[in-house]
Amino acid sequence: MYTPHTDSDIRAMLDAIGIGSLEELLKVPDAVALKAELDAEHRRVLILSGVDFAHVGKKFGDEFAADRTVAERVQREDLGLIESIKRGDPDAFFADILKDRDARRICGLSPMYTQLELLRGHSARLLKYGIAMEPQSESAVSFASLAID
């Protein structure tokens, strides 16, 4: 079962690790070793992230069932998030997640954000988007594949 973080839970976690905000926690520094390696590489490099997007419905702790209406809302919100990926904009990506405190439980948040930070400014193409509905658990998981050029 998914238990949402309360403001006090988040504050206690941040205080325990000495970080001032969620934004600071997820900020990937420019000096990250992988970025330095990528910058020094003269050949084309493939970075591959295999991640899901939204996890909604009763199986994931929501009080609502994931039905067609929920799937349509998730798709709209996911496609908005994907637009920031297509623009190569990790700041907009993270802001989109923060606006609803990751209510859709984006599974691949950390790897997607890290990849976007490493490839900041590189455009992407959406190759496929879909939502897997799971009627027996009244839940759904969305997924997408993108190519970042």
Protein backbone atom coordinates (compact mmCIF):
# COMPACT_ATOMS: atom_id res chain seq x y z
CA MET A 1 0.00 0.00 0.00
CA TYR A 2 1.23 3.50 -0.82
CA THR A 3 1.31 5.96 2.07
CA PRO A 4 1.57 9.61 1.02
CA HIS A 5 4.18 11.72 2.78
CA THR A 6 2.84 14.40 5.05
CA ASP A 7 4.53 17.79 5.24
CA SER A 8 5.96 16.84 8.64
CA ASP A 9 7.27 13.49 7.29
CA ILE A 10 9.01 15.28 4.43
CA ARG A 11 10.46 17.95 6.73
CA ALA A 12 11.78 15.29 9.14
CA MET A 13 13.43 13.39 6.28
CA LEU A 14 15.01 16.53 4.85
CA ASP A 15 16.26 17.61 8.30
CA ALA A 16 17.73 14.14 8.94
CA ILE A 17 19.83 14.29 5.76
CA GLY A 18 20.64 17.98 5.99
CA ILE A 19 18.80 19.11 2.86
CA GLY A 20 16.63 22.24 2.76
CA SER A 21 14.00 21.27 0.17
CA LEU A 22 12.73 18.55 -2.14
CA GLU A 23 14.07 20.57 -5.07
CA GLU A 24 17.55 20.54 -3.52
CA LEU A 25 17.27 16.81 -2.80
CA LEU A 26 16.66 15.96 -6.45
CA LYS A 27 18.98 18.50 -8.01
CA VAL A 28 21.74 16.76 -9.95
CA PRO A 29 24.97 18.78 -9.73
CA ASP A 30 26.75 19.71 -12.96
CA ALA A 31 29.88 18.09 -11.57
CA VAL A 32 28.27 14.64 -11.45
CA ALA A 33 30.85 12.11 -12.65
CA LEU A 34 28.70 10.76 -15.46
CA LYS A 35 28.16 14.22 -16.93
CA ALA A 36 31.92 14.80 -16.99
CA GLU A 37 32.37 11.46 -18.75
CA LEU A 38 29.69 12.29 -21.30
CA ASP A 39 31.15 15.71 -21.95
CA ALA A 40 34.58 14.18 -22.56
CA GLU A 41 33.31 11.46 -24.89
CA HIS A 42 33.70 12.10 -28.61
CA ARG A 43 31.64 9.16 -29.80
CA ARG A 44 27.85 8.97 -29.80
CA VAL A 45 26.55 7.64 -26.49
CA LEU A 46 23.29 5.84 -25.79
CA ILE A 47 21.64 6.44 -22.43
CA LEU A 48 18.69 4.14 -21.84
CA SER A 49 16.14 4.46 -19.06
CA GLY A 50 13.36 1.93 -18.73
CA VAL A 51 10.69 3.38 -16.47
CA ASP A 52 6.93 3.61 -16.01
CA PHE A 53 5.04 6.84 -15.62
CA ALA A 54 1.85 7.03 -13.51
CA HIS A 55 0.59 4.45 -11.02
CA VAL A 56 -3.02 5.16 -10.04
CA GLY A 57 -5.99 3.38 -8.54
CA LYS A 58 -6.80 1.27 -5.54
CA LYS A 59 -3.78 -1.05 -5.89
CA PHE A 60 -1.52 1.96 -5.36
CA GLY A 61 -3.40 3.41 -2.38
CA ASP A 62 -5.84 5.75 -4.11
CA GLU A 63 -9.39 5.83 -2.81
CA PHE A 64 -10.71 5.90 -6.38
CA ALA A 65 -10.86 3.19 -9.00
CA ALA A 66 -8.87 3.77 -12.17
CA ASP A 67 -11.55 3.86 -14.83
CA ARG A 68 -11.65 5.37 -18.32
CA THR A 69 -12.18 8.89 -16.92
CA VAL A 70 -9.13 8.56 -14.67
CA ALA A 71 -7.11 7.16 -17.57
CA GLU A 72 -8.03 10.16 -19.73
CA ARG A 73 -6.92 12.57 -16.96
CA VAL A 74 -3.67 10.65 -16.44
CA GLN A 75 -2.99 10.74 -20.17
CA ARG A 76 -3.52 14.51 -20.32
CA GLU A 77 -1.21 15.07 -17.36
CA ASP A 78 1.42 12.60 -18.61
CA LEU A 79 1.46 14.20 -22.06
CA GLY A 80 2.03 17.57 -20.40
CA LEU A 81 4.97 16.08 -18.50
CA ILE A 82 6.26 14.52 -21.71
CA GLU A 83 6.30 17.95 -23.35
CA SER A 84 9.01 19.03 -20.87
CA ILE A 85 10.98 15.90 -21.75
CA LYS A 86 10.59 16.66 -25.45
CA ARG A 87 12.00 20.14 -24.85
CA GLY A 88 14.93 18.76 -22.84
CA ASP A 89 13.86 20.82 -19.82
CA PRO A 90 14.53 19.08 -16.48
CA ASP A 91 13.40 22.13 -14.49
CA ALA A 92 9.95 22.14 -16.11
CA PHE A 93 9.78 18.35 -15.70
CA PHE A 94 10.45 18.59 -11.97
CA ALA A 95 8.10 21.56 -11.53
CA ASP A 96 5.32 19.53 -13.16
CA ILE A 97 5.89 16.69 -10.68
CA LEU A 98 5.97 19.10 -7.73
CA LYS A 99 2.74 20.90 -8.61
CA ASP A 100 0.68 17.96 -7.36
CA ARG A 101 3.36 16.40 -5.13
CA ASP A 102 3.70 13.44 -7.47
CA ALA A 103 0.05 12.44 -7.04
CA ARG A 104 0.35 10.05 -10.02
CA ARG A 105 3.37 8.35 -8.39
CA ILE A 106 5.71 8.68 -11.36
CA CYS A 107 7.79 5.54 -10.89
CA GLY A 108 10.73 6.67 -12.98
CA LEU A 109 11.05 10.16 -11.52
CA SER A 110 14.69 9.88 -10.41
CA PRO A 111 16.13 8.19 -13.51
CA MET A 112 14.11 10.39 -15.87
CA TYR A 113 15.15 13.57 -14.07
CA THR A 114 18.80 12.49 -13.98
CA GLN A 115 18.75 11.63 -17.67
CA LEU A 116 17.15 14.98 -18.50
CA GLU A 117 19.74 16.82 -16.43
CA LEU A 118 22.56 14.97 -18.19
CA LEU A 119 21.02 15.73 -21.59
CA ARG A 120 19.73 19.22 -20.76
CA GLY A 121 18.66 21.04 -23.91
CA HIS A 122 18.52 17.93 -26.11
CA SER A 123 15.15 17.46 -27.78
CA ALA A 124 13.19 14.23 -27.64
CA ARG A 125 10.61 12.46 -29.76
CA LEU A 126 7.66 10.55 -28.33
CA LEU A 127 7.68 7.07 -29.87
CA LYS A 128 4.79 5.44 -28.00
CA TYR A 129 2.47 6.17 -25.10
CA GLY A 130 -0.02 3.86 -23.45
CA ILE A 131 -1.91 3.00 -20.31
CA ALA A 132 -2.23 -0.54 -19.00
CA MET A 133 -5.59 -0.88 -17.26
CA GLU A 134 -5.92 -3.55 -14.55
CA PRO A 135 -9.68 -3.94 -13.97
CA GLN A 136 -9.34 -6.62 -11.27
CA SER A 137 -7.37 -4.23 -9.01
CA GLU A 138 -9.12 -1.07 -10.31
CA SER A 139 -5.70 0.36 -11.13
CA ALA A 140 -3.63 1.54 -14.08
CA VAL A 141 -0.01 2.17 -15.05
CA SER A 142 1.02 4.51 -17.84
CA PHE A 143 4.18 4.16 -19.90
CA ALA A 144 5.97 5.89 -22.73
CA SER A 145 9.02 5.50 -24.91
CA LEU A 146 10.96 8.53 -26.07
CA ALA A 147 14.14 9.02 -28.02
CA ILE A 148 16.33 11.90 -26.89
CA ASP A 149 18.48 13.16 -29.74
